[in-house]
Structure formats: C-alpha cells, structure tokens
C-alpha cells in the first residue's frame, strides 16, 4: 500500500521532544516505504477552525472547572469546621491541599502526555477527578476530606500543563495568541468564579452542596472531553495510523517513530517526568518566569483569604454578595507574532496593573469608604493577573514548543507551591497588620516585581539562544 509522503518542511509543527530519541533512525529510514509519516489530513493544524476552537473551548471549560474547585473551599471552611469539629485554621488546608495536588500532578501527567498522547491523559485524569470527588462530598471526618482534596487536585492538574500542549499542537506560532488567551483566562477565572459560585450555594444550602454541584459539572465536562476533543499529539497520531495500516493491510512492517523508541517504556516515562525538573534546574529563562509567576499567584491566593475579611468584616456583606466582588471583567487579546519575547509585552502591562490594583484596594478598605471602591480596585488587579499569565503561558508554549506540556508543568509546579503556602498565613497577617497594612504589603511586593517582565523581554533572546530546551 503506497503512502503519500510530505516533506519535513511542509509540516509547520515541530516534532515533540518525546520522539527525539528516534529522530536519527527515522532519518536513516526516510526512504523506508513502511515508515508512517504525517500527511495533510493527519495534521491537527489542518483541522477545521470550528473543530479546533471547539476543542480549545472544551479544554478551557474543563480547566475552569478544576480551578473553581480550588477556591470554592474558601466559603465551605466555616461549615466544614462545624461539621468536623475542628478549628477554622484546619479547614483552610482544604485550599492548600488541593493546590498542592495541582502543583505536583503536572510533573507526572504533563510528560506522560508526551508519551501516551493528550486524550488518554485528559480522559483518565478527569474520570479519576470525578470518582475521587465523591469522598470529598461524603467525607466522614476531616482527614478523609483533606486527603481527597489533595488527590482530586492531583487528578485535575492535567489541564494546567497538558492543555497548553494541546493548543500548541493545533495552532502554529502565527495564530496561537488568541487560543492561548482563551485558555489562559479559564484557569484564572476559575479561582475568581469559585467564591462567586460557592457564595450563592452556601448562602442558601448546606456547605456540602458546593461539592455536589461541582460533581455534576465534572461529569458534564468528562462527557464533552470524550465526545468532542480529538487526539492532537502528532507522534501518537502516527502510532495509531501505523496500527490501522498493519490491521487493514495485514502487513506487520508498518511502523511509526514511537514504535522504534530506544530503551524500555519505563525509562522513556522516567526521562519524560524528569524534564520539568531539568527546565527549572538548567534553563534560566524558564526558572525566572516560573518564579515570577509563583509569587504573583501566591499573592492572588492570599487575596482570596483577604476578600471575606474586607467585605464581610469591614463592609458587612453577606456570603453571597462577597462572592460577587471576586468576579471581575477580564478581557484582553494579544496578537503579537514571534519571536517569543514579544509575548512578554502584555506581561509588562500586567506587572504594572497588579500593584496599582493592590494599592487602590489597600486604601479603599476603610469602613468609611463606600464598598464600591474596593470592588472597582479589584478590576485592575484581576486584569493585571490575567495579562501576566497570558504572556507567560504564550511565551512558554512558543519558546518551548517541542516540550510545551513539560514547560507548562514546571511552571504549574512552582507557582502552585506558592499558592498552597500563602493562604496559610493570610489570617494571621491580616489580623496583625490590618486590611490596609497587609494589602499594602502585598502591593509593595508586587511593585518590586513590576520591572521583571521588562527585564525578561530584554534578556530572553540571549537566554533562549543558550538553552538546550528552547526552540531557536
């Protein structure tokens, strides 16, 4: 059976790093009629715009669901404390444990998607996310509740790393900005929308209903992932194509590059899982960006603990209306073209908006100031957060396109570690410094970090040129 071959130059998407071990042998076998190669109809970047955008929207909504699950716990803490007869400080761990799972999970599932493909990771991880949410809903004690908050965070974490790889699979550099902007906003609307949803539920129903509603949402997302999201990872697409050809022709000689991987599967998985740590240890640009993101996300999660203090204690809001104050309009689109450093221009804007929003928030928290003022102040803060992460995520998937999922995994791990730790001392900090002093302290920290995206913009090309991982 003859196969129509296309030249490597006609394939806009670079081969993933997971197949680099087989590149030499693939070149040696270039004339092998049994080597399965990518053809235009197989290329995920040649799918219709509708199909690609539908996949992006479903993946983004699944990510939104996962990150909502992280922050909805903020409004279940008092109810859980009463039910399990523990101090409020213990139930705060519900957020920290989930975010710890979000941070550690990508170190495994991100690289695994570069071995088994995106869909296998999506479907298995989300199915486990659904199953392990049941013990959270029906937890008999605080230990079970916290353990399964950690496990569900781990299971849902694929959408903080693998999703970036899926977007880079389906869109070339010239048009990746818009889908990345859509994807980026979803995991950061999630922590903002979580308290909004939980606020309404907890105002009218018992706290456990928060997780029951979440359980229904997870099930709907799982169905959509199975039905409407195609496999986009090229090496796995070729492997499946080779399997079909062997079956349809009866010729066992057809093979894909992944079929000729050197070494055992276990060693391949081990190497893939080590890659995010390699990026943090040996790639200075990735480490700098990830550290900046970690501090920004830590401030964001600390602010989640601050909002109930500001709006309930200072302004006398009930639980329902407090959730509304966290839902700010986020709208931005960045259409820059490569080189990847141009993606950081939006981050420069975000780096300024974050401290501006925090300073405005700090000095509008006095009881005599109308409650609308801190709500307005939260808009530049939220917008700045969105700009920061949109620029960083787009940079990572373009600069490290061959290993986009691993690059996103290293970012997720470091920033989630900060996000898990910061809420633990929020209460003590706000009690000691007051709403004005504590929020102003965060604003000062954000001000110190404001020049970082400009610095990264200037040094990024040089660091990327010396990187063994980045695309040059």
Protein backbone atom coordinates (compact mmCIF):
# COMPACT_ATOMS: atom_id res chain seq x y z
CA UNK A 1 0.00 0.00 0.00
CA UNK A 2 1.60 3.25 -1.14
CA UNK A 3 1.83 6.19 1.22
CA UNK A 4 1.95 9.78 0.04
CA UNK A 5 4.80 11.47 1.83
CA UNK A 6 5.20 15.13 2.66
CA UNK A 7 8.48 16.87 3.27
CA UNK A 8 9.52 17.86 6.77
CA UNK A 9 9.36 21.49 5.71
CA UNK A 10 5.67 21.24 4.89
CA UNK A 11 4.85 20.29 8.45
CA UNK A 12 4.54 23.53 10.42
CA UNK A 13 4.54 21.90 13.85
CA UNK A 14 7.92 20.65 15.12
CA UNK A 15 8.26 17.12 16.33
CA UNK A 16 7.83 16.75 20.10
CA UNK A 17 10.91 16.14 22.20
CA UNK A 18 9.48 12.79 23.27
CA UNK A 19 10.46 11.42 19.87
CA UNK A 20 13.93 12.94 19.61
CA UNK A 21 15.48 9.62 20.51
CA UNK A 22 14.10 8.15 17.32
CA UNK A 23 14.90 11.10 15.02
CA UNK A 24 18.23 9.71 13.83
CA UNK A 25 16.83 6.30 12.99
CA UNK A 26 13.81 7.94 11.34
CA UNK A 27 16.11 9.93 9.06
CA UNK A 28 18.06 6.80 8.20
CA UNK A 29 14.79 5.09 7.28
CA UNK A 30 13.50 8.10 5.32
CA UNK A 31 13.11 6.01 2.19
CA UNK A 32 11.53 3.11 4.03
CA UNK A 33 8.08 2.58 2.44
CA UNK A 34 6.78 1.18 5.72
CA UNK A 35 7.60 4.28 7.80
CA UNK A 36 4.34 6.11 8.51
CA UNK A 37 4.67 9.86 8.09
CA UNK A 38 2.38 12.80 8.70
CA UNK A 39 0.11 13.71 5.80
CA UNK A 40 -2.03 16.84 5.49
CA UNK A 41 -5.23 15.07 6.54
CA UNK A 42 -3.49 13.82 9.72
CA UNK A 43 -2.08 17.18 10.78
CA UNK A 44 -4.10 18.61 13.71
CA UNK A 45 -3.29 22.10 12.48
CA UNK A 46 -5.25 21.31 9.30
CA UNK A 47 -8.48 20.51 11.13
CA UNK A 48 -11.33 22.95 10.54
CA UNK A 49 -11.28 26.10 12.63
CA UNK A 50 -14.59 25.09 14.20
CA UNK A 51 -13.24 21.74 15.35
CA UNK A 52 -10.03 23.24 16.75
CA UNK A 53 -11.84 26.04 18.55
CA UNK A 54 -14.44 23.64 19.94
CA UNK A 55 -11.60 21.56 21.41
CA UNK A 56 -10.00 24.69 22.89
CA UNK A 57 -13.29 25.80 24.47
CA UNK A 58 -13.98 22.37 25.99
CA UNK A 59 -10.43 22.04 27.34
CA UNK A 60 -10.68 25.58 28.72
CA UNK A 61 -14.02 24.92 30.40
CA UNK A 62 -12.60 21.72 31.93
CA UNK A 63 -9.70 23.78 33.26
CA UNK A 64 -12.18 26.33 34.62
CA UNK A 65 -13.99 23.56 36.48
CA UNK A 66 -10.76 22.30 38.06
CA UNK A 67 -9.57 25.71 39.21
CA UNK A 68 -13.04 26.59 40.51
CA UNK A 69 -12.71 23.54 42.73
CA UNK A 70 -9.61 25.06 44.30
CA UNK A 71 -11.21 28.26 45.58
CA UNK A 72 -14.79 27.17 46.31
CA UNK A 73 -13.41 25.72 49.54
CA UNK A 74 -12.94 29.27 50.86
CA UNK A 75 -16.69 29.51 51.53
CA UNK A 76 -17.07 25.99 52.92
CA UNK A 77 -14.43 26.37 55.64
CA UNK A 78 -16.73 27.50 58.47
CA UNK A 79 -19.36 24.85 57.67
CA UNK A 80 -16.71 22.15 57.44
CA UNK A 81 -15.19 23.28 60.73
CA UNK A 82 -18.56 22.94 62.47
CA UNK A 83 -19.31 19.56 60.87
CA UNK A 84 -15.92 18.00 61.61
CA UNK A 85 -15.45 19.78 64.97
CA UNK A 86 -12.07 21.26 64.11
CA UNK A 87 -10.68 24.83 64.21
CA UNK A 88 -11.17 27.06 61.18
CA UNK A 89 -7.38 27.07 60.62
CA UNK A 90 -7.54 23.33 59.86
CA UNK A 91 -10.22 23.67 57.18
CA UNK A 92 -8.14 26.36 55.41
CA UNK A 93 -5.97 23.40 54.41
CA UNK A 94 -8.79 22.42 52.03
CA UNK A 95 -7.45 25.01 49.57
CA UNK A 96 -3.78 24.35 50.27
CA UNK A 97 -4.11 20.58 49.83
CA UNK A 98 -5.97 20.94 46.53
CA UNK A 99 -3.44 23.44 45.19
CA UNK A 100 -0.59 21.17 46.29
CA UNK A 101 -2.15 18.45 44.12
CA UNK A 102 -2.49 20.92 41.26
CA UNK A 103 1.20 21.70 41.54
CA UNK A 104 2.60 18.19 41.80
CA UNK A 105 0.30 16.50 39.28
CA UNK A 106 1.64 18.24 36.15
CA UNK A 107 5.13 16.93 36.88
CA UNK A 108 3.75 13.48 36.03
CA UNK A 109 0.79 13.98 33.71
CA UNK A 110 2.42 16.68 31.56
CA UNK A 111 5.35 14.48 30.49
CA UNK A 112 3.08 11.42 30.23
CA UNK A 113 1.07 13.27 27.58
CA UNK A 114 4.31 13.35 25.57
CA UNK A 115 4.41 9.54 25.72
CA UNK A 116 0.76 8.44 25.51
CA UNK A 117 -0.89 11.48 23.94
CA UNK A 118 -3.19 14.21 25.19
CA UNK A 119 -6.54 12.39 25.15
CA UNK A 120 -5.52 9.42 27.28
CA UNK A 121 -4.29 11.79 29.99
CA UNK A 122 -7.37 14.02 29.75
CA UNK A 123 -9.92 11.24 29.97
CA UNK A 124 -8.24 9.15 32.67
CA UNK A 125 -7.36 12.11 34.88
CA UNK A 126 -10.84 13.65 34.62
CA UNK A 127 -12.55 10.31 35.28
CA UNK A 128 -10.45 9.97 38.44
CA UNK A 129 -11.23 13.59 39.32
CA UNK A 130 -14.93 12.70 39.14
CA UNK A 131 -14.63 9.46 41.14
CA UNK A 132 -12.48 10.93 43.92
CA UNK A 133 -14.75 13.93 44.41
CA UNK A 134 -17.32 11.59 45.97
CA UNK A 135 -15.22 11.06 49.15
CA UNK A 136 -14.92 14.86 49.43
CA UNK A 137 -18.72 15.21 49.28
CA UNK A 138 -19.38 12.39 51.75
CA UNK A 139 -16.27 12.65 53.93
CA UNK A 140 -16.89 11.17 57.42
CA UNK A 141 -14.08 13.20 59.01
CA UNK A 142 -11.59 15.98 58.31
CA UNK A 143 -8.75 13.56 57.47
CA UNK A 144 -10.69 11.96 54.61
CA UNK A 145 -11.82 15.38 53.41
CA UNK A 146 -8.28 16.78 53.23
CA UNK A 147 -6.70 13.65 51.74
CA UNK A 148 -9.16 13.55 48.88
CA UNK A 149 -8.87 17.29 48.33
CA UNK A 150 -5.19 16.57 47.67
CA UNK A 151 -5.99 13.62 45.39
CA UNK A 152 -8.65 15.48 43.36
CA UNK A 153 -6.24 18.37 42.88
CA UNK A 154 -3.64 15.92 41.60
CA UNK A 155 -6.14 14.27 39.22
CA UNK A 156 -7.42 17.55 37.81
CA UNK A 157 -3.97 19.01 37.29
CA UNK A 158 -3.59 17.82 33.69
CA UNK A 159 -5.38 20.93 32.49
CA UNK A 160 -2.69 23.20 33.92
CA UNK A 161 0.01 21.67 31.73
CA UNK A 162 -1.32 19.36 29.02
CA UNK A 163 -3.84 21.93 27.76
CA UNK A 164 -1.03 24.25 26.72
CA UNK A 165 0.46 21.37 24.73
CA UNK A 166 -2.88 20.76 23.01
CA UNK A 167 -3.14 24.40 21.94
CA UNK A 168 0.40 24.32 20.56
CA UNK A 169 -0.48 21.09 18.70
CA UNK A 170 -3.43 22.67 16.89
CA UNK A 171 -2.18 26.20 16.12
CA UNK A 172 1.05 27.48 14.52
CA UNK A 173 3.02 30.30 16.16
CA UNK A 174 1.44 32.90 13.89
CA UNK A 175 -2.07 32.24 15.23
CA UNK A 176 -1.52 30.78 18.70
CA UNK A 177 -2.04 34.03 20.64
CA UNK A 178 -5.86 34.05 20.54
CA UNK A 179 -6.48 30.42 21.59
CA UNK A 180 -3.83 30.75 24.31
CA UNK A 181 -5.58 33.90 25.56
CA UNK A 182 -8.86 31.96 25.77
CA UNK A 183 -7.22 29.04 27.54
CA UNK A 184 -5.26 31.26 29.93
CA UNK A 185 -8.29 33.15 31.15
CA UNK A 186 -10.10 29.94 32.14
CA UNK A 187 -7.79 28.74 34.95
CA UNK A 188 -7.69 32.26 36.37
CA UNK A 189 -11.37 32.98 36.10
CA UNK A 190 -11.77 29.69 37.97
CA UNK A 191 -10.27 30.85 41.28
CA UNK A 192 -12.24 34.10 40.93
CA UNK A 193 -15.53 32.45 39.98
CA UNK A 194 -15.21 29.75 42.64
CA UNK A 195 -16.08 32.04 45.54
CA UNK A 196 -18.89 33.56 43.46
CA UNK A 197 -20.48 30.12 42.96
CA UNK A 198 -19.78 28.96 46.50
CA UNK A 199 -21.11 32.20 47.94
CA UNK A 200 -24.52 31.70 46.37
CA UNK A 201 -24.67 27.98 47.22
CA UNK A 202 -23.61 28.44 50.84
CA UNK A 203 -25.98 31.33 51.35
CA UNK A 204 -28.97 29.10 50.59
CA UNK A 205 -27.83 25.48 51.08
CA UNK A 206 -25.65 23.38 53.33
CA UNK A 207 -21.87 23.61 52.62
CA UNK A 208 -21.64 20.07 51.18
CA UNK A 209 -23.87 21.13 48.29
CA UNK A 210 -20.95 23.17 46.99
CA UNK A 211 -19.13 19.96 46.13
CA UNK A 212 -22.29 18.21 44.90
CA UNK A 213 -22.82 20.93 42.31
CA UNK A 214 -19.15 20.63 41.39
CA UNK A 215 -19.59 16.87 40.95
CA UNK A 216 -22.34 17.39 38.36
CA UNK A 217 -20.20 19.89 36.49
CA UNK A 218 -17.23 17.48 36.40
CA UNK A 219 -19.44 14.75 34.88
CA UNK A 220 -20.63 17.06 32.06
CA UNK A 221 -17.05 18.10 31.30
CA UNK A 222 -15.93 14.46 31.16
CA UNK A 223 -18.61 13.65 28.59
CA UNK A 224 -17.58 16.58 26.40
CA UNK A 225 -13.89 15.62 26.60
CA UNK A 226 -14.66 12.07 25.46
CA UNK A 227 -17.06 13.06 22.68
CA UNK A 228 -15.59 16.21 21.15
CA UNK A 229 -11.84 16.54 21.83
CA UNK A 230 -9.66 14.74 19.23
CA UNK A 231 -6.12 13.50 19.77
CA UNK A 232 -3.71 16.26 18.72
CA UNK A 233 -0.30 14.90 19.67
CA UNK A 234 1.45 14.07 16.39
CA UNK A 235 3.67 11.14 17.47
CA UNK A 236 0.62 9.33 18.90
CA UNK A 237 -1.45 10.16 15.79
CA UNK A 238 1.25 8.48 13.70
CA UNK A 239 1.40 5.50 16.02
CA UNK A 240 -2.36 4.96 15.74
CA UNK A 241 -2.14 5.37 11.97
CA UNK A 242 0.57 2.70 11.78
CA UNK A 243 -1.61 0.35 13.84
CA UNK A 244 -4.54 0.88 11.46
CA UNK A 245 -2.35 0.21 8.44
CA UNK A 246 -1.00 -3.01 9.92
CA UNK A 247 -4.54 -4.17 10.58
CA UNK A 248 -6.05 -3.10 7.23
CA UNK A 249 -3.21 -4.39 5.05
CA UNK A 250 -2.16 -7.40 7.07
CA UNK A 251 1.42 -6.18 6.73
CA UNK A 252 3.12 -6.05 10.16
CA UNK A 253 6.03 -3.97 8.83
CA UNK A 254 4.30 -0.57 9.04
CA UNK A 255 5.63 1.48 11.94
CA UNK A 256 5.71 4.98 13.40
CA UNK A 257 8.70 6.67 15.06
CA UNK A 258 7.27 5.95 18.54
CA UNK A 259 7.25 2.23 17.69
CA UNK A 260 11.04 2.31 17.32
CA UNK A 261 11.74 4.11 20.59
CA UNK A 262 15.06 3.07 22.07
CA UNK A 263 15.04 1.71 25.61
CA UNK A 264 12.13 0.50 27.69
CA UNK A 265 8.83 2.28 28.10
CA UNK A 266 9.59 2.73 31.79
CA UNK A 267 12.84 4.52 31.01
CA UNK A 268 11.07 6.74 28.47
CA UNK A 269 8.46 7.73 31.07
CA UNK A 270 11.19 8.38 33.65
CA UNK A 271 13.08 10.63 31.25
CA UNK A 272 9.89 12.49 30.36
CA UNK A 273 8.98 13.03 34.02
CA UNK A 274 12.45 14.38 34.73
CA UNK A 275 12.15 17.02 32.01
CA UNK A 276 10.17 19.62 34.02
CA UNK A 277 12.85 19.46 36.73
CA UNK A 278 15.53 19.90 34.06
CA UNK A 279 13.81 23.09 32.91
CA UNK A 280 13.74 24.51 36.43
CA UNK A 281 17.33 23.48 37.18
CA UNK A 282 19.10 24.18 33.90
CA UNK A 283 17.02 26.71 31.94
CA UNK A 284 17.43 30.18 33.45
CA UNK A 285 14.61 31.83 31.48
CA UNK A 286 12.11 29.15 32.50
CA UNK A 287 13.21 29.43 36.13
CA UNK A 288 12.89 33.24 36.13
CA UNK A 289 9.45 33.24 34.54
CA UNK A 290 8.20 30.44 36.78
CA UNK A 291 9.47 32.16 39.93
CA UNK A 292 7.76 35.41 38.95
CA UNK A 293 4.51 33.56 38.25
CA UNK A 294 4.76 31.74 41.58
CA UNK A 295 4.95 34.99 43.54
CA UNK A 296 2.08 36.55 41.60
CA UNK A 297 -0.15 33.50 42.08
CA UNK A 298 0.72 33.35 45.77
CA UNK A 299 -0.48 36.94 46.12
CA UNK A 300 -3.67 36.07 44.24
CA UNK A 301 -4.49 33.14 46.51
CA UNK A 302 -3.66 35.18 49.60
CA UNK A 303 -6.12 37.78 48.33
CA UNK A 304 -8.85 35.10 48.26
CA UNK A 305 -8.50 34.85 52.03
CA UNK A 306 -8.47 38.64 52.33
CA UNK A 307 -11.71 39.36 50.46
CA UNK A 308 -14.04 37.87 53.09
CA UNK A 309 -12.19 39.91 55.73
CA UNK A 310 -12.53 43.12 53.70
CA UNK A 311 -16.12 42.73 52.59
CA UNK A 312 -17.74 40.78 55.43
CA UNK A 313 -15.93 42.18 58.45
CA UNK A 314 -15.38 45.75 57.20
CA UNK A 315 -18.39 46.37 54.97
CA UNK A 316 -20.88 43.89 56.45
CA UNK A 317 -21.58 41.94 53.24
CA UNK A 318 -23.20 38.52 53.49
CA UNK A 319 -21.61 35.43 51.95
CA UNK A 320 -23.49 35.69 48.66
CA UNK A 321 -22.51 39.25 47.82
CA UNK A 322 -18.91 38.70 48.91
CA UNK A 323 -18.55 36.10 46.17
CA UNK A 324 -19.69 38.67 43.62
CA UNK A 325 -16.86 41.05 44.47
CA UNK A 326 -14.32 38.48 43.25
CA UNK A 327 -15.82 38.25 39.79
CA UNK A 328 -14.15 41.00 37.71
CA UNK A 329 -14.41 41.52 33.97
CA UNK A 330 -11.33 40.17 32.24
CA UNK A 331 -10.94 40.97 28.58
CA UNK A 332 -7.74 41.19 26.59
CA UNK A 333 -6.35 39.92 23.33
CA UNK A 334 -2.69 39.86 22.30
CA UNK A 335 -1.91 39.24 18.64
CA UNK A 336 1.86 39.56 18.62
CA UNK A 337 4.00 37.42 16.36
CA UNK A 338 7.19 35.56 17.18
CA UNK A 339 9.90 35.89 18.48
CA UNK A 340 8.56 34.57 21.77
CA UNK A 341 9.84 37.59 23.73
CA UNK A 342 7.17 39.77 22.09
CA UNK A 343 4.63 37.80 24.14
CA UNK A 344 6.06 39.41 27.28
CA UNK A 345 4.89 42.91 26.33
CA UNK A 346 1.48 42.11 27.76
CA UNK A 347 3.23 40.95 30.92
CA UNK A 348 4.82 44.39 31.25
CA UNK A 349 1.35 45.92 31.37
CA UNK A 350 0.19 43.28 33.84
CA UNK A 351 3.24 43.85 36.05
CA UNK A 352 2.13 47.48 36.49
CA UNK A 353 -1.60 46.81 36.89
CA UNK A 354 -1.17 44.29 39.71
CA UNK A 355 0.48 46.66 42.23
CA UNK A 356 -1.75 49.57 41.12
CA UNK A 357 -4.85 47.47 41.80
CA UNK A 358 -3.49 46.28 45.16
CA UNK A 359 -2.58 49.78 46.33
CA UNK A 360 -6.04 51.03 45.35
CA UNK A 361 -7.57 48.07 47.17
CA UNK A 362 -5.46 48.70 50.27
CA UNK A 363 -6.51 52.31 50.71
CA UNK A 364 -10.19 51.76 49.95
CA UNK A 365 -10.76 49.17 52.68
CA UNK A 366 -11.58 51.68 55.41
CA UNK A 367 -15.16 51.27 56.74
CA UNK A 368 -15.98 54.89 55.87
CA UNK A 369 -15.09 54.31 52.19
CA UNK A 370 -18.03 53.12 50.07
CA UNK A 371 -17.90 49.39 49.32
CA UNK A 372 -17.93 50.00 45.56
CA UNK A 373 -14.41 51.46 45.75
CA UNK A 374 -12.57 48.18 46.62
CA UNK A 375 -14.69 46.39 44.02
CA UNK A 376 -13.51 48.86 41.36
CA UNK A 377 -9.95 48.49 42.64
CA UNK A 378 -10.11 44.73 42.10
CA UNK A 379 -10.60 45.23 38.33
CA UNK A 380 -7.02 46.38 37.51
CA UNK A 381 -5.71 43.75 39.92
CA UNK A 382 -7.60 40.96 38.16
CA UNK A 383 -6.74 42.32 34.72
CA UNK A 384 -3.07 42.52 35.65
CA UNK A 385 -3.08 38.92 36.86
CA UNK A 386 -4.61 37.83 33.55
CA UNK A 387 -2.06 39.78 31.48
CA UNK A 388 0.83 38.31 33.47
CA UNK A 389 -0.21 34.72 32.93
CA UNK A 390 -1.38 35.11 29.34
CA UNK A 391 2.03 36.50 28.39
CA UNK A 392 3.92 33.81 30.30
CA UNK A 393 1.88 30.85 29.05
CA UNK A 394 2.07 32.02 25.44
CA UNK A 395 5.81 32.52 25.77
CA UNK A 396 6.33 29.04 27.20
CA UNK A 397 4.37 27.19 24.50
CA UNK A 398 6.08 29.11 21.68
CA UNK A 399 9.64 29.23 23.06
CA UNK A 400 9.50 25.59 24.27
CA UNK A 401 7.07 24.27 21.67
CA UNK A 402 8.69 20.81 21.31
CA UNK A 403 8.14 20.19 25.04
CA UNK A 404 5.23 22.57 25.69
CA UNK A 405 3.48 20.29 28.20
CA UNK A 406 6.65 19.85 30.25
CA UNK A 407 7.32 23.61 30.20
CA UNK A 408 3.80 24.25 31.49
CA UNK A 409 4.25 21.51 34.10
CA UNK A 410 7.36 23.12 35.58
CA UNK A 411 5.55 26.47 35.71
CA UNK A 412 2.49 24.94 37.35
CA UNK A 413 4.54 23.09 39.97
CA UNK A 414 6.41 26.13 41.21
CA UNK A 415 3.51 28.59 41.22
CA UNK A 416 1.15 26.09 42.85
CA UNK A 417 3.65 25.57 45.68
CA UNK A 418 3.40 29.27 46.49
CA UNK A 419 -0.37 29.29 46.04
CA UNK A 420 -0.66 26.43 48.54
CA UNK A 421 1.50 28.13 51.17
CA UNK A 422 0.34 31.74 51.05
CA UNK A 423 -3.27 31.24 52.30
CA UNK A 424 -1.96 29.55 55.45
CA UNK A 425 -0.65 32.80 56.92
CA UNK A 426 -3.27 35.15 55.46
CA UNK A 427 -5.42 35.26 58.58
CA UNK A 428 -2.50 35.96 60.92
CA UNK A 429 -1.10 38.62 58.60
CA UNK A 430 -4.41 40.46 58.24
CA UNK A 431 -5.10 40.23 61.97
CA UNK A 432 -1.71 41.70 62.83
CA UNK A 433 -1.36 44.35 60.10
CA UNK A 434 -5.00 45.11 59.39
CA UNK A 435 -6.61 45.16 55.95
CA UNK A 436 -4.79 48.33 54.88
CA UNK A 437 -1.32 47.34 56.08
CA UNK A 438 -1.46 43.73 54.87
CA UNK A 439 -2.81 44.61 51.41
CA UNK A 440 -0.29 47.46 51.09
CA UNK A 441 2.47 44.95 51.93
CA UNK A 442 1.33 42.76 49.04
CA UNK A 443 1.21 45.82 46.79
CA UNK A 444 4.80 46.67 47.76
CA UNK A 445 5.94 43.16 46.89
CA UNK A 446 4.14 43.40 43.54
CA UNK A 447 5.80 46.77 42.91
CA UNK A 448 9.25 45.25 43.40
CA UNK A 449 8.33 42.60 40.80
CA UNK A 450 6.84 45.08 38.29
CA UNK A 451 10.08 45.59 36.28
CA UNK A 452 10.64 41.84 35.86
CA UNK A 453 8.75 41.35 32.56
CA UNK A 454 10.74 44.22 31.01
CA UNK A 455 13.96 42.59 32.17
CA UNK A 456 12.83 39.24 30.80
CA UNK A 457 11.94 40.90 27.49
CA UNK A 458 15.49 42.23 27.16
CA UNK A 459 17.42 39.13 28.19
CA UNK A 460 15.02 36.46 26.90
CA UNK A 461 16.51 36.06 23.42
CA UNK A 462 20.04 35.62 24.80
CA UNK A 463 18.96 33.09 27.43
CA UNK A 464 16.82 31.21 24.92
CA UNK A 465 19.74 31.02 22.48
CA UNK A 466 21.84 29.24 25.12
CA UNK A 467 19.02 26.97 26.24
CA UNK A 468 19.21 23.25 25.37
CA UNK A 469 15.40 23.05 25.52
CA UNK A 470 14.04 26.16 23.75
CA UNK A 471 13.28 26.44 20.05
CA UNK A 472 15.88 28.63 18.35
